[in-house]
């Protein structure tokens, strides 16, 4: 009897939740307007160091980048230019630095890591298409 009541109670709660979902879907706000188009950059970015697949001593690793067709500037601005921006550096999907240059020493634990460098606009949002390079390296 107790099990029947528990199952019956669960079904009532589930029905109420589903009814709430469908009524919410009918009264939900209309989708927002699409975001403004992002600018296209004139830049090309390369990771010079570490090299793809490299095994490097740690815990400090020197990251060296090359940027062509654009320059890194320290100012943040909403007046976007296709040839000015910043570098965002990520390790294993986590942003670790917002560079205003092309070289940096990072600290990384032993193991395999994914390094991503992205040249972003002066407002710190990506260009479209994105100017990004990714590689895998190992720290021993």
Protein backbone atom coordinates (compact mmCIF):
# COMPACT_ATOMS: atom_id res chain seq x y z
CA UNK A 1 0.00 0.00 0.00
CA UNK A 2 2.80 2.42 0.97
CA UNK A 3 4.64 1.69 -2.32
CA UNK A 4 1.45 2.37 -4.30
CA UNK A 5 1.04 5.75 -2.54
CA UNK A 6 4.71 6.64 -3.24
CA UNK A 7 4.32 5.80 -6.93
CA UNK A 8 1.01 7.66 -7.09
CA UNK A 9 2.58 10.70 -5.35
CA UNK A 10 5.49 10.63 -7.78
CA UNK A 11 3.13 10.56 -10.76
CA UNK A 12 1.18 13.56 -9.42
CA UNK A 13 4.38 15.57 -8.87
CA UNK A 14 5.66 14.61 -12.34
CA UNK A 15 2.35 15.64 -13.92
CA UNK A 16 2.43 19.02 -12.14
CA UNK A 17 6.01 19.62 -13.22
CA UNK A 18 5.20 18.73 -16.84
CA UNK A 19 2.10 20.95 -16.78
CA UNK A 20 4.25 23.79 -15.46
CA UNK A 21 6.77 23.20 -18.24
CA UNK A 22 4.19 23.37 -20.98
CA UNK A 23 2.51 26.48 -19.60
CA UNK A 24 5.91 28.14 -19.21
CA UNK A 25 6.77 27.34 -22.79
CA UNK A 26 3.57 29.08 -23.92
CA UNK A 27 4.24 32.22 -21.87
CA UNK A 28 7.99 32.43 -22.36
CA UNK A 29 9.42 35.66 -23.73
CA UNK A 30 10.14 35.72 -27.46
CA UNK A 31 13.76 34.98 -28.41
CA UNK A 32 16.07 37.97 -28.30
CA UNK A 33 17.32 39.62 -31.47
CA UNK A 34 20.52 38.15 -32.93
CA UNK A 35 23.74 39.69 -31.65
CA UNK A 36 25.47 42.24 -33.82
CA UNK A 37 27.85 40.74 -36.33
CA UNK A 38 31.44 40.46 -35.14
CA UNK A 39 34.23 42.01 -37.22
CA UNK A 40 36.55 39.92 -39.36
CA UNK A 41 40.23 40.25 -38.43
CA UNK A 42 43.16 40.73 -40.75
CA UNK A 43 45.35 38.67 -38.37
CA UNK A 44 46.93 35.26 -38.56
CA UNK A 45 48.25 33.69 -35.37
CA UNK A 46 50.86 30.95 -34.81
CA UNK A 47 52.18 29.18 -31.73
CA UNK A 48 55.98 29.02 -32.08
CA UNK A 49 56.69 27.41 -28.72
CA UNK A 50 56.01 24.85 -27.49
CA UNK A 51 55.78 22.90 -30.73
CA UNK A 52 52.85 20.54 -31.35
CA UNK A 53 53.43 17.24 -29.53
CA UNK A 54 56.53 18.57 -27.72
CA UNK A 55 57.67 17.10 -24.41
CA UNK A 56 58.98 19.95 -22.29
CA UNK A 57 60.42 20.21 -18.78
CA UNK A 58 58.16 21.88 -16.26
CA UNK A 59 56.64 23.34 -14.33
CA UNK A 60 57.48 26.57 -16.18
CA UNK A 61 56.83 26.57 -19.93
CA UNK A 62 57.64 29.43 -22.29
CA UNK A 63 54.86 30.21 -24.76
CA UNK A 64 55.91 32.17 -27.84
CA UNK A 65 53.41 33.39 -30.42
CA UNK A 66 53.65 35.06 -33.82
CA UNK A 67 50.99 37.49 -35.02
CA UNK A 68 50.84 38.74 -38.61
CA UNK A 69 48.50 41.31 -40.12
CA UNK A 70 47.60 42.85 -36.77
CA UNK A 71 49.08 44.08 -33.52
CA UNK A 72 48.45 43.56 -29.84
CA UNK A 73 47.35 46.74 -28.05
CA UNK A 74 46.86 47.28 -24.31
CA UNK A 75 43.70 49.38 -24.59
CA UNK A 76 40.26 47.86 -24.17
CA UNK A 77 37.72 49.54 -26.42
CA UNK A 78 34.33 49.11 -28.07
CA UNK A 79 35.67 50.88 -31.19
CA UNK A 80 36.84 47.72 -32.92
CA UNK A 81 39.51 47.48 -35.56
CA UNK A 82 40.30 44.29 -37.53
CA UNK A 83 44.03 44.74 -36.90
CA UNK A 84 44.05 45.52 -33.16
CA UNK A 85 43.32 43.30 -30.19
CA UNK A 86 44.56 41.12 -27.35
CA UNK A 87 45.68 37.52 -26.94
CA UNK A 88 43.76 35.12 -24.68
CA UNK A 89 45.82 32.13 -23.59
CA UNK A 90 44.11 28.97 -22.32
CA UNK A 91 45.39 25.68 -20.95
CA UNK A 92 43.02 22.72 -20.95
CA UNK A 93 40.04 24.96 -21.74
CA UNK A 94 40.66 27.45 -18.92
CA UNK A 95 41.77 31.01 -19.70
CA UNK A 96 44.99 31.60 -17.80
CA UNK A 97 46.09 34.90 -19.27
CA UNK A 98 44.98 37.89 -21.31
CA UNK A 99 48.22 38.93 -22.97
CA UNK A 100 49.21 42.30 -24.27
CA UNK A 101 52.28 40.75 -25.85
CA UNK A 102 53.37 37.59 -27.66
CA UNK A 103 55.55 35.78 -25.08
CA UNK A 104 54.73 34.45 -21.64
CA UNK A 105 56.01 31.93 -19.13
CA UNK A 106 53.23 29.79 -17.69
CA UNK A 107 53.21 27.21 -14.89
CA UNK A 108 51.79 23.82 -15.84
CA UNK A 109 51.56 20.53 -13.96
CA UNK A 110 53.13 17.35 -15.37
CA UNK A 111 51.05 15.60 -18.01
CA UNK A 112 49.44 16.19 -21.38
CA UNK A 113 47.91 19.64 -21.94
CA UNK A 114 45.99 21.52 -24.62
CA UNK A 115 47.26 25.04 -25.26
CA UNK A 116 44.99 27.53 -27.04
CA UNK A 117 45.90 31.05 -28.10
CA UNK A 118 43.27 33.37 -29.54
CA UNK A 119 43.59 36.85 -30.96
CA UNK A 120 40.45 38.70 -29.85
CA UNK A 121 39.08 42.17 -30.55
CA UNK A 122 39.74 45.08 -28.22
CA UNK A 123 36.49 44.34 -26.37
CA UNK A 124 37.89 40.86 -25.49
CA UNK A 125 35.28 39.06 -27.61
CA UNK A 126 36.29 36.90 -30.60
CA UNK A 127 36.53 38.01 -34.17
CA UNK A 128 34.37 36.20 -36.73
CA UNK A 129 35.79 33.90 -37.89
CA UNK A 130 37.87 33.27 -34.80
CA UNK A 131 41.65 33.76 -34.96
CA UNK A 132 42.72 30.81 -32.83
CA UNK A 133 45.46 28.16 -32.69
CA UNK A 134 45.51 25.04 -30.54
CA UNK A 135 48.12 22.37 -29.88
CA UNK A 136 48.84 19.55 -27.47
CA UNK A 137 52.10 19.28 -25.51
CA UNK A 138 53.39 17.26 -22.57
CA UNK A 139 55.10 18.51 -19.43
CA UNK A 140 57.42 16.03 -17.70
